[in-house]
Amino acid sequence: MRLLYYSFLVILTSTIALSATHYNITSGSLHKGGSINISSKISDDIFEVTLNYKLKKRFFVPVSADKLKGSKKTKLPFEFSTEDGYLELEKLGSKKVKKAELKFLGRTSYGRYTNAYKFKIIPNNGKSTTEAIYHPQAPGIGWLKIKVTFNDILDGYTIEARIKD
């Protein structure tokens, strides 16, 4: 039945762009906030998530401003556009996808959202890792909180962002 549903959805549209979701970046040791915008699209059985970030650096930080903004794209299987992908990840524990590994970290509560899925995306290139909390009733793609560790920019610097309500 799921296969029929996904096939019908793909036949109707070759590309579906979902609305952007906005996040506030919390203060850190090298930055005083910032923003993340996440947009996504579904195309050819791929759920592509684009994360655009911009940090407000602290005055004394000797890092150029262009290193504190950028974009990351992640391509996930189509199932991750709905709760089905996260349910499967929970059963498997981890899953290898093209260019990354996904790990299920457990169930959690976040604000009014209970029984949410906490997971981690580990790209094969090693440039960063992303942890997120997903809930099917959350706006946008369902990610409530995002934690990104940049291994390639600031030697393992981590930022956290919360969805704007």
Protein backbone atom coordinates (compact mmCIF):
# COMPACT_ATOMS: atom_id res chain seq x y z
CA MET A 1 0.00 0.00 0.00
CA ARG A 2 2.84 2.39 0.88
CA LEU A 3 4.55 1.68 -2.41
CA LEU A 4 1.33 2.50 -4.27
CA TYR A 5 0.97 5.74 -2.32
CA TYR A 6 4.58 6.80 -2.99
CA SER A 7 4.31 5.84 -6.67
CA PHE A 8 1.13 7.87 -7.08
CA LEU A 9 2.72 10.86 -5.38
CA VAL A 10 5.81 10.71 -7.58
CA ILE A 11 3.76 10.34 -10.77
CA LEU A 12 1.66 13.40 -9.93
CA THR A 13 4.70 15.60 -9.51
CA SER A 14 8.31 15.11 -10.46
CA THR A 15 9.38 17.74 -7.93
CA ILE A 16 7.53 19.04 -4.90
CA ALA A 17 9.00 21.99 -3.00
CA LEU A 18 7.91 22.21 0.60
CA SER A 19 7.75 25.49 2.52
CA ALA A 20 10.78 26.83 4.38
CA THR A 21 11.07 26.47 8.14
CA HIS A 22 12.90 29.08 10.22
CA TYR A 23 15.07 28.45 13.28
CA ASN A 24 16.86 30.64 15.85
CA ILE A 25 20.45 29.73 16.63
CA THR A 26 21.22 29.93 20.34
CA SER A 27 24.34 31.79 21.56
CA GLY A 28 27.64 29.96 21.70
CA SER A 29 31.21 30.71 22.70
CA LEU A 30 32.12 32.21 19.30
CA HIS A 31 28.75 33.52 18.16
CA LYS A 32 25.85 35.48 19.64
CA GLY A 33 22.99 33.90 17.78
CA GLY A 34 21.93 33.61 14.18
CA SER A 35 19.39 31.89 12.00
CA ILE A 36 18.83 28.74 10.01
CA ASN A 37 16.32 28.33 7.21
CA ILE A 38 15.50 24.84 6.05
CA SER A 39 13.82 24.13 2.76
CA SER A 40 13.17 20.80 1.16
CA LYS A 41 12.04 19.22 -2.06
CA ILE A 42 10.97 15.79 -3.17
CA SER A 43 12.27 14.63 -6.50
CA ASP A 44 12.77 11.16 -8.02
CA ASP A 45 12.34 9.26 -4.71
CA ILE A 46 14.79 11.63 -2.97
CA PHE A 47 13.94 13.92 -0.06
CA GLU A 48 16.48 16.75 -0.33
CA VAL A 49 16.92 19.01 2.69
CA THR A 50 18.78 22.32 2.31
CA LEU A 51 19.99 24.01 5.48
CA ASN A 52 21.06 27.67 5.09
CA TYR A 53 22.76 29.11 8.16
CA LYS A 54 24.13 32.49 9.22
CA LEU A 55 25.86 33.09 12.54
CA LYS A 56 26.34 36.48 14.22
CA LYS A 57 29.93 36.32 15.40
CA ARG A 58 31.18 37.86 18.59
CA PHE A 59 33.40 40.92 18.17
CA PHE A 60 36.64 39.32 19.38
CA VAL A 61 36.42 36.16 17.24
CA PRO A 62 39.26 36.01 14.68
CA VAL A 63 37.21 34.14 12.05
CA SER A 64 36.03 35.81 8.86
CA ALA A 65 32.27 36.34 8.62
CA ASP A 66 32.05 34.33 5.36
CA LYS A 67 33.02 31.17 7.29
CA LEU A 68 30.03 31.68 9.58
CA LYS A 69 27.41 31.42 6.87
CA GLY A 70 26.71 28.81 4.28
CA SER A 71 24.51 26.04 3.01
CA LYS A 72 24.41 22.27 3.51
CA LYS A 73 22.40 19.85 1.40
CA THR A 74 21.41 16.40 2.55
CA LYS A 75 19.70 13.83 0.36
CA LEU A 76 17.57 11.33 2.24
CA PRO A 77 15.32 8.51 1.04
CA PHE A 78 11.79 9.63 0.15
CA GLU A 79 10.37 7.94 3.27
CA PHE A 80 11.96 10.62 5.49
CA SER A 81 9.50 13.19 4.17
CA THR A 82 6.97 11.43 6.46
CA GLU A 83 7.05 9.59 9.78
CA ASP A 84 7.53 6.26 7.96
CA GLY A 85 11.26 6.87 7.46
CA TYR A 86 11.83 7.62 11.14
CA LEU A 87 9.81 4.56 12.23
CA GLU A 88 11.98 2.38 9.99
CA LEU A 89 15.15 4.01 11.35
CA GLU A 90 13.94 3.30 14.89
CA LYS A 91 13.52 -0.40 14.05
CA LEU A 92 16.89 -0.67 12.30
CA GLY A 93 18.93 1.48 14.67
CA SER A 94 21.05 2.81 11.82
CA LYS A 95 20.80 3.00 8.07
CA LYS A 96 23.34 3.64 5.33
CA VAL A 97 22.10 5.96 2.60
CA LYS A 98 23.92 7.46 -0.33
CA LYS A 99 26.72 9.68 1.03
CA ALA A 100 25.71 9.34 4.72
CA GLU A 101 24.74 7.16 7.62
CA LEU A 102 21.63 7.78 9.74
CA LYS A 103 21.50 6.74 13.39
CA PHE A 104 18.48 6.54 15.65
CA LEU A 105 19.32 8.07 19.05
CA GLY A 106 16.05 7.44 20.87
CA ARG A 107 12.66 8.93 21.64
CA THR A 108 12.36 12.24 23.47
CA SER A 109 9.98 15.04 24.34
CA TYR A 110 10.50 18.59 23.18
CA GLY A 111 8.14 21.26 24.45
CA ARG A 112 4.58 20.19 23.73
CA TYR A 113 5.78 17.46 21.34
CA THR A 114 6.02 14.09 23.06
CA ASN A 115 7.41 10.84 21.73
CA ALA A 116 9.57 12.61 19.12
CA TYR A 117 12.40 10.91 17.22
CA LYS A 118 16.00 11.95 17.87
CA PHE A 119 18.42 11.01 15.09
CA LYS A 120 21.84 11.82 13.69
CA ILE A 121 23.08 12.32 10.12
CA ILE A 122 26.76 11.49 9.58
CA PRO A 123 27.93 12.39 6.06
CA ASN A 124 30.65 10.21 4.53
CA ASN A 125 32.79 13.29 3.80
CA GLY A 126 33.26 13.92 7.55
CA LYS A 127 32.79 17.69 7.24
CA SER A 128 29.95 17.84 9.77
CA THR A 129 27.35 15.91 11.70
CA THR A 130 23.74 16.88 12.30
CA GLU A 131 21.48 15.81 15.14
CA ALA A 132 17.80 16.63 14.97
CA ILE A 133 14.54 15.96 16.74
CA TYR A 134 11.64 15.06 14.43
CA HIS A 135 7.94 15.05 15.23
CA PRO A 136 5.22 14.42 12.59
CA GLN A 137 3.02 17.25 13.93
CA ALA A 138 5.77 19.88 13.86
CA PRO A 139 5.71 22.49 11.08
CA GLY A 140 7.73 22.23 7.88
CA ILE A 141 9.76 19.06 7.60
CA GLY A 142 9.07 18.24 11.25
CA TRP A 143 12.51 19.01 12.68
CA LEU A 144 12.08 20.83 16.01
CA LYS A 145 15.67 21.21 17.13
CA ILE A 146 18.90 20.98 15.15
CA LYS A 147 22.46 20.57 16.37
CA VAL A 148 25.22 20.86 13.75
CA THR A 149 28.89 20.18 14.43
CA PHE A 150 31.20 21.66 11.80
CA ASN A 151 34.34 19.55 11.63
CA ASP A 152 35.69 21.34 8.57
CA ILE A 153 35.24 24.99 9.55
CA LEU A 154 35.89 25.62 13.21
CA ASP A 155 37.53 22.35 14.26
CA GLY A 156 34.44 20.72 15.69
CA TYR A 157 32.41 23.80 16.54
CA THR A 158 28.77 23.08 17.41
CA ILE A 159 25.70 25.24 16.93
CA GLU A 160 22.17 24.57 18.16
CA ALA A 161 18.96 25.94 16.71
CA ARG A 162 15.34 25.80 17.78
CA ILE A 163 12.32 26.14 15.55
CA LYS A 164 10.57 29.51 15.60
CA ASP A 165 6.99 29.11 16.84
